[in-house]
């Protein structure tokens, strides 16, 4: 039961880092705690869409800072 719970947690962690939750869930069923370690140490995946949203948000923040808001 604990292994299944861990696999669901790993899937959530993977999705939070921009990776496939399904693939990591399946991998976690096989590797268990080793998969947890891999999810935690692997860097976040930055997709072009996410990166462009971050760029837009940073540009807006700079404009607001320059305007004195």
PDB file of N, CA and C in Angstrom:
ATOM      1  N   UNK A   1       0.815  -1.199   0.000  1.00  0.00           N
ATOM      2  CA  UNK A   1       0.000   0.000   0.000  1.00  0.00           C
ATOM      3  C   UNK A   1       0.858   1.263   0.000  1.00  0.00           C
ATOM      4  N   UNK A   2       1.962   1.246   0.747  1.00  0.00           N
ATOM      5  CA  UNK A   2       2.841   2.405   0.807  1.00  0.00           C
ATOM      6  C   UNK A   2       3.534   2.686  -0.516  1.00  0.00           C
ATOM      7  N   UNK A   3       3.867   1.613  -1.238  1.00  0.00           N
ATOM      8  CA  UNK A   3       4.545   1.763  -2.525  1.00  0.00           C
ATOM      9  C   UNK A   3       3.621   2.455  -3.526  1.00  0.00           C
ATOM     10  N   UNK A   4       2.338   2.093  -3.505  1.00  0.00           N
ATOM     11  CA  UNK A   4       1.354   2.719  -4.395  1.00  0.00           C
ATOM     12  C   UNK A   4       1.179   4.194  -4.051  1.00  0.00           C
ATOM     13  N   UNK A   5       1.109   4.501  -2.775  1.00  0.00           N
ATOM     14  CA  UNK A   5       0.993   5.896  -2.346  1.00  0.00           C
ATOM     15  C   UNK A   5       2.209   6.693  -2.776  1.00  0.00           C
ATOM     16  N   UNK A   6       3.381   6.114  -2.613  1.00  0.00           N
ATOM     17  CA  UNK A   6       4.612   6.780  -3.030  1.00  0.00           C
ATOM     18  C   UNK A   6       4.615   7.037  -4.531  1.00  0.00           C
ATOM     19  N   UNK A   7       4.111   6.083  -5.305  1.00  0.00           N
ATOM     20  CA  UNK A   7       4.085   6.267  -6.761  1.00  0.00           C
ATOM     21  C   UNK A   7       3.170   7.428  -7.150  1.00  0.00           C
ATOM     22  N   UNK A   8       2.059   7.600  -6.432  1.00  0.00           N
ATOM     23  CA  UNK A   8       1.152   8.724  -6.712  1.00  0.00           C
ATOM     24  C   UNK A   8       1.801  10.059  -6.341  1.00  0.00           C
ATOM     25  N   UNK A   9       2.514  10.070  -5.234  1.00  0.00           N
ATOM     26  CA  UNK A   9       3.239  11.281  -4.827  1.00  0.00           C
ATOM     27  C   UNK A   9       4.303  11.630  -5.865  1.00  0.00           C
ATOM     28  N   UNK A  10       5.020  10.615  -6.344  1.00  0.00           N
ATOM     29  CA  UNK A  10       6.051  10.848  -7.367  1.00  0.00           C
ATOM     30  C   UNK A  10       5.447  11.405  -8.647  1.00  0.00           C
ATOM     31  N   UNK A  11       4.281  10.893  -9.027  1.00  0.00           N
ATOM     32  CA  UNK A  11       3.611  11.406 -10.225  1.00  0.00           C
ATOM     33  C   UNK A  11       3.285  12.887 -10.066  1.00  0.00           C
ATOM     34  N   UNK A  12       2.816  13.268  -8.892  1.00  0.00           N
ATOM     35  CA  UNK A  12       2.522  14.680  -8.628  1.00  0.00           C
ATOM     36  C   UNK A  12       3.766  15.538  -8.646  1.00  0.00           C
ATOM     37  N   UNK A  13       4.841  15.037  -8.055  1.00  0.00           N
ATOM     38  CA  UNK A  13       6.109  15.776  -8.075  1.00  0.00           C
ATOM     39  C   UNK A  13       6.601  15.957  -9.505  1.00  0.00           C
ATOM     40  N   UNK A  14       6.507  14.901 -10.292  1.00  0.00           N
ATOM     41  CA  UNK A  14       6.966  14.960 -11.680  1.00  0.00           C
ATOM     42  C   UNK A  14       6.158  15.981 -12.477  1.00  0.00           C
ATOM     43  N   UNK A  15       4.841  15.974 -12.299  1.00  0.00           N
ATOM     44  CA  UNK A  15       4.006  16.945 -13.009  1.00  0.00           C
ATOM     45  C   UNK A  15       4.344  18.364 -12.597  1.00  0.00           C
ATOM     46  N   UNK A  16       4.648  18.557 -11.340  1.00  0.00           N
ATOM     47  CA  UNK A  16       5.035  19.878 -10.860  1.00  0.00           C
ATOM     48  C   UNK A  16       6.339  20.361 -11.473  1.00  0.00           C
ATOM     49  N   UNK A  17       7.153  19.435 -11.948  1.00  0.00           N
ATOM     50  CA  UNK A  17       8.414  19.788 -12.591  1.00  0.00           C
ATOM     51  C   UNK A  17       8.301  19.758 -14.115  1.00  0.00           C
ATOM     52  N   UNK A  18       7.082  19.656 -14.631  1.00  0.00           N
ATOM     53  CA  UNK A  18       6.872  19.703 -16.069  1.00  0.00           C
ATOM     54  C   UNK A  18       7.130  18.381 -16.772  1.00  0.00           C
ATOM     55  N   UNK A  19       7.102  17.295 -16.048  1.00  0.00           N
ATOM     56  CA  UNK A  19       7.335  15.972 -16.627  1.00  0.00           C
ATOM     57  C   UNK A  19       6.030  15.186 -16.654  1.00  0.00           C
ATOM     58  N   UNK A  20       6.038  14.059 -17.360  1.00  0.00           N
ATOM     59  CA  UNK A  20       4.845  13.235 -17.495  1.00  0.00           C
ATOM     60  C   UNK A  20       4.527  12.517 -16.188  1.00  0.00           C
ATOM     61  N   UNK A  21       3.376  12.810 -15.619  1.00  0.00           N
ATOM     62  CA  UNK A  21       2.962  12.157 -14.395  1.00  0.00           C
ATOM     63  C   UNK A  21       2.718  10.665 -14.591  1.00  0.00           C
ATOM     64  N   UNK A  22       2.138  10.297 -15.732  1.00  0.00           N
ATOM     65  CA  UNK A  22       1.853   8.893 -16.011  1.00  0.00           C
ATOM     66  C   UNK A  22       3.137   8.085 -16.119  1.00  0.00           C
ATOM     67  N   UNK A  23       4.097   8.597 -16.870  1.00  0.00           N
ATOM     68  CA  UNK A  23       5.369   7.881 -17.023  1.00  0.00           C
ATOM     69  C   UNK A  23       6.071   7.715 -15.681  1.00  0.00           C
ATOM     70  N   UNK A  24       6.072   8.749 -14.867  1.00  0.00           N
ATOM     71  CA  UNK A  24       6.739   8.665 -13.569  1.00  0.00           C
ATOM     72  C   UNK A  24       5.961   7.797 -12.600  1.00  0.00           C
ATOM     73  N   UNK A  25       4.651   7.747 -12.720  1.00  0.00           N
ATOM     74  CA  UNK A  25       3.862   6.857 -11.889  1.00  0.00           C
ATOM     75  C   UNK A  25       4.222   5.405 -12.192  1.00  0.00           C
ATOM     76  N   UNK A  26       4.283   5.073 -13.487  1.00  0.00           N
ATOM     77  CA  UNK A  26       4.644   3.715 -13.879  1.00  0.00           C
ATOM     78  C   UNK A  26       6.067   3.372 -13.442  1.00  0.00           C
ATOM     79  N   UNK A  27       6.980   4.295 -13.632  1.00  0.00           N
ATOM     80  CA  UNK A  27       8.359   4.075 -13.210  1.00  0.00           C
ATOM     81  C   UNK A  27       8.441   3.897 -11.697  1.00  0.00           C
ATOM     82  N   UNK A  28       7.643   4.648 -10.976  1.00  0.00           N
ATOM     83  CA  UNK A  28       7.645   4.566  -9.511  1.00  0.00           C
ATOM     84  C   UNK A  28       7.091   3.236  -9.013  1.00  0.00           C
ATOM     85  N   UNK A  29       6.178   2.644  -9.758  1.00  0.00           N
ATOM     86  CA  UNK A  29       5.669   1.331  -9.376  1.00  0.00           C
ATOM     87  C   UNK A  29       6.783   0.291  -9.392  1.00  0.00           C
ATOM     88  N   UNK A  30       7.751   0.483 -10.288  1.00  0.00           N
ATOM     89  CA  UNK A  30       8.860  -0.456 -10.411  1.00  0.00           C
ATOM     90  C   UNK A  30      10.009  -0.094  -9.473  1.00  0.00           C
ATOM     91  N   UNK A  31      10.362   1.192  -9.432  1.00  0.00           N
ATOM     92  CA  UNK A  31      11.563   1.613  -8.701  1.00  0.00           C
ATOM     93  C   UNK A  31      11.309   2.127  -7.286  1.00  0.00           C
ATOM     94  N   UNK A  32      10.090   2.515  -6.999  1.00  0.00           N
ATOM     95  CA  UNK A  32       9.745   2.977  -5.658  1.00  0.00           C
ATOM     96  C   UNK A  32      10.553   4.184  -5.202  1.00  0.00           C
ATOM     97  N   UNK A  33      11.235   4.072  -4.048  1.00  0.00           N
ATOM     98  CA  UNK A  33      11.977   5.199  -3.486  1.00  0.00           C
ATOM     99  C   UNK A  33      13.109   5.714  -4.381  1.00  0.00           C
ATOM    100  N   UNK A  34      13.646   4.840  -5.222  1.00  0.00           N
ATOM    101  CA  UNK A  34      14.697   5.279  -6.155  1.00  0.00           C
ATOM    102  C   UNK A  34      14.112   6.292  -7.138  1.00  0.00           C
ATOM    103  N   UNK A  35      12.881   6.060  -7.580  1.00  0.00           N
ATOM    104  CA  UNK A  35      12.218   7.005  -8.476  1.00  0.00           C
ATOM    105  C   UNK A  35      11.982   8.341  -7.780  1.00  0.00           C
ATOM    106  N   UNK A  36      11.679   8.309  -6.487  1.00  0.00           N
ATOM    107  CA  UNK A  36      11.505   9.548  -5.732  1.00  0.00           C
ATOM    108  C   UNK A  36      12.783  10.370  -5.764  1.00  0.00           C
ATOM    109  N   UNK A  37      13.896   9.707  -5.525  1.00  0.00           N
ATOM    110  CA  UNK A  37      15.183  10.390  -5.568  1.00  0.00           C
ATOM    111  C   UNK A  37      15.436  10.994  -6.945  1.00  0.00           C
ATOM    112  N   UNK A  38      15.132  10.237  -7.994  1.00  0.00           N
ATOM    113  CA  UNK A  38      15.346  10.738  -9.360  1.00  0.00           C
ATOM    114  C   UNK A  38      14.467  11.950  -9.663  1.00  0.00           C
ATOM    115  N   UNK A  39      13.205  11.901  -9.230  1.00  0.00           N
ATOM    116  CA  UNK A  39      12.293  13.037  -9.467  1.00  0.00           C
ATOM    117  C   UNK A  39      12.812  14.277  -8.758  1.00  0.00           C
ATOM    118  N   UNK A  40      13.286  14.095  -7.551  1.00  0.00           N
ATOM    119  CA  UNK A  40      13.724  15.245  -6.753  1.00  0.00           C
ATOM    120  C   UNK A  40      15.001  15.869  -7.306  1.00  0.00           C
ATOM    121  N   UNK A  41      15.956  15.051  -7.751  1.00  0.00           N
ATOM    122  CA  UNK A  41      17.241  15.614  -8.183  1.00  0.00           C
ATOM    123  C   UNK A  41      17.241  16.080  -9.633  1.00  0.00           C
ATOM    124  N   UNK A  42      16.305  15.608 -10.439  1.00  0.00           N
ATOM    125  CA  UNK A  42      16.266  16.047 -11.839  1.00  0.00           C
ATOM    126  C   UNK A  42      15.740  17.478 -11.920  1.00  0.00           C
ATOM    127  N   UNK A  43      16.315  18.287 -12.798  1.00  0.00           N
ATOM    128  CA  UNK A  43      15.864  19.682 -12.905  1.00  0.00           C
ATOM    129  C   UNK A  43      14.481  19.796 -13.536  1.00  0.00           C
ATOM    130  N   UNK A  44      13.866  20.897 -13.276  1.00  0.00           N
ATOM    131  CA  UNK A  44      12.553  21.202 -13.856  1.00  0.00           C
ATOM    132  C   UNK A  44      12.689  21.365 -15.366  1.00  0.00           C
ATOM    133  N   UNK A  45      11.691  20.891 -16.098  1.00  0.00           N
ATOM    134  CA  UNK A  45      11.672  21.028 -17.550  1.00  0.00           C
ATOM    135  C   UNK A  45      10.970  22.336 -17.889  1.00  0.00           C
ATOM    136  N   UNK A  46      11.657  23.199 -18.600  1.00  0.00           N
ATOM    137  CA  UNK A  46      11.057  24.459 -19.022  1.00  0.00           C
ATOM    138  C   UNK A  46      10.586  24.330 -20.465  1.00  0.00           C
ATOM    139  N   UNK A  47       9.303  24.327 -20.661  1.00  0.00           N
ATOM    140  CA  UNK A  47       8.766  24.274 -22.007  1.00  0.00           C
ATOM    141  C   UNK A  47       8.752  25.679 -22.582  1.00  0.00           C
ATOM    142  N   UNK A  48       8.789  25.805 -23.899  1.00  0.00           N
ATOM    143  CA  UNK A  48       8.775  27.150 -24.492  1.00  0.00           C
ATOM    144  C   UNK A  48       7.572  27.986 -24.060  1.00  0.00           C
ATOM    145  N   UNK A  49       6.402  27.359 -23.921  1.00  0.00           N
ATOM    146  CA  UNK A  49       5.209  28.107 -23.521  1.00  0.00           C
ATOM    147  C   UNK A  49       5.364  28.651 -22.105  1.00  0.00           C
ATOM    148  N   UNK A  50       5.892  27.838 -21.213  1.00  0.00           N
ATOM    149  CA  UNK A  50       6.091  28.277 -19.835  1.00  0.00           C
ATOM    150  C   UNK A  50       7.126  29.384 -19.789  1.00  0.00           C
ATOM    151  N   UNK A  51       8.206  29.218 -20.532  1.00  0.00           N
ATOM    152  CA  UNK A  51       9.260  30.218 -20.529  1.00  0.00           C
ATOM    153  C   UNK A  51       8.757  31.546 -21.076  1.00  0.00           C
ATOM    154  N   UNK A  52       7.904  31.515 -22.109  1.00  0.00           N
ATOM    155  CA  UNK A  52       7.390  32.771 -22.650  1.00  0.00           C
ATOM    156  C   UNK A  52       6.470  33.454 -21.639  1.00  0.00           C
ATOM    157  N   UNK A  53       5.695  32.689 -20.881  1.00  0.00           N
ATOM    158  CA  UNK A  53       4.852  33.287 -19.843  1.00  0.00           C
ATOM    159  C   UNK A  53       5.695  33.925 -18.749  1.00  0.00           C
ATOM    160  N   UNK A  54       6.783  33.276 -18.395  1.00  0.00           N
ATOM    161  CA  UNK A  54       7.688  33.836 -17.387  1.00  0.00           C
ATOM    162  C   UNK A  54       8.301  35.132 -17.917  1.00  0.00           C
ATOM    163  N   UNK A  55       8.703  35.144 -19.174  1.00  0.00           N
ATOM    164  CA  UNK A  55       9.279  36.354 -19.775  1.00  0.00           C
ATOM    165  C   UNK A  55       8.275  37.501 -19.777  1.00  0.00           C
ATOM    166  N   UNK A  56       7.027  37.205 -20.105  1.00  0.00           N
ATOM    167  CA  UNK A  56       5.984  38.234 -20.115  1.00  0.00           C
ATOM    168  C   UNK A  56       5.767  38.792 -18.710  1.00  0.00           C
ATOM    169  N   UNK A  57       5.697  37.905 -17.727  1.00  0.00           N
ATOM    170  CA  UNK A  57       5.486  38.341 -16.343  1.00  0.00           C
ATOM    171  C   UNK A  57       6.638  39.206 -15.863  1.00  0.00           C
ATOM    172  N   UNK A  58       7.868  38.831 -16.207  1.00  0.00           N
ATOM    173  CA  UNK A  58       9.025  39.628 -15.804  1.00  0.00           C
ATOM    174  C   UNK A  58       9.020  40.990 -16.486  1.00  0.00           C
ATOM    175  N   UNK A  59       8.638  41.037 -17.751  1.00  0.00           N
ATOM    176  CA  UNK A  59       8.576  42.304 -18.470  1.00  0.00           C
ATOM    177  C   UNK A  59       7.520  43.218 -17.854  1.00  0.00           C
ATOM    178  N   UNK A  60       6.361  42.657 -17.503  1.00  0.00           N
ATOM    179  CA  UNK A  60       5.309  43.447 -16.859  1.00  0.00           C
ATOM    180  C   UNK A  60       5.777  43.992 -15.516  1.00  0.00           C
ATOM    181  N   UNK A  61       6.489  43.178 -14.771  1.00  0.00           N
ATOM    182  CA  UNK A  61       6.978  43.599 -13.463  1.00  0.00           C
ATOM    183  C   UNK A  61       7.984  44.741 -13.604  1.00  0.00           C
ATOM    184  N   UNK A  62       8.820  44.671 -14.626  1.00  0.00           N
ATOM    185  CA  UNK A  62       9.805  45.735 -14.855  1.00  0.00           C
ATOM    186  C   UNK A  62       9.114  47.030 -15.243  1.00  0.00           C
ATOM    187  N   UNK A  63       8.095  46.947 -16.077  1.00  0.00           N
ATOM    188  CA  UNK A  63       7.349  48.155 -16.480  1.00  0.00           C
ATOM    189  C   UNK A  63       6.681  48.787 -15.266  1.00  0.00           C
ATOM    190  N   UNK A  64       6.077  47.977 -14.421  1.00  0.00           N
ATOM    191  CA  UNK A  64       5.429  48.500 -13.227  1.00  0.00           C
ATOM    192  C   UNK A  64       6.444  49.114 -12.275  1.00  0.00           C
ATOM    193  N   UNK A  65       7.605  48.514 -12.166  1.00  0.00           N
ATOM    194  CA  UNK A  65       8.660  49.056 -11.294  1.00  0.00           C
ATOM    195  C   UNK A  65       9.164  50.392 -11.821  1.00  0.00           C
ATOM    196  N   UNK A  66       9.272  50.509 -13.131  1.00  0.00           N
ATOM    197  CA  UNK A  66       9.734  51.757 -13.719  1.00  0.00           C
ATOM    198  C   UNK A  66       8.690  52.861 -13.593  1.00  0.00           C
ATOM    199  N   UNK A  67       7.411  52.486 -13.623  1.00  0.00           N
ATOM    200  CA  UNK A  67       6.326  53.464 -13.489  1.00  0.00           C
ATOM    201  C   UNK A  67       6.114  53.885 -12.036  1.00  0.00           C
ATOM    202  N   UNK A  68       6.726  53.161 -11.114  1.00  0.00           N
ATOM    203  CA  UNK A  68       6.599  53.516  -9.711  1.00  0.00           C
ATOM    204  C   UNK A  68       5.370  52.972  -9.017  1.00  0.00           C
ATOM    205  N   UNK A  69       4.772  51.968  -9.569  1.00  0.00           N
ATOM    206  CA  UNK A  69       3.578  51.361  -8.943  1.00  0.00           C
ATOM    207  C   UNK A  69       3.976  50.405  -7.887  1.00  0.00           C
TER     208      UNK A  69
END
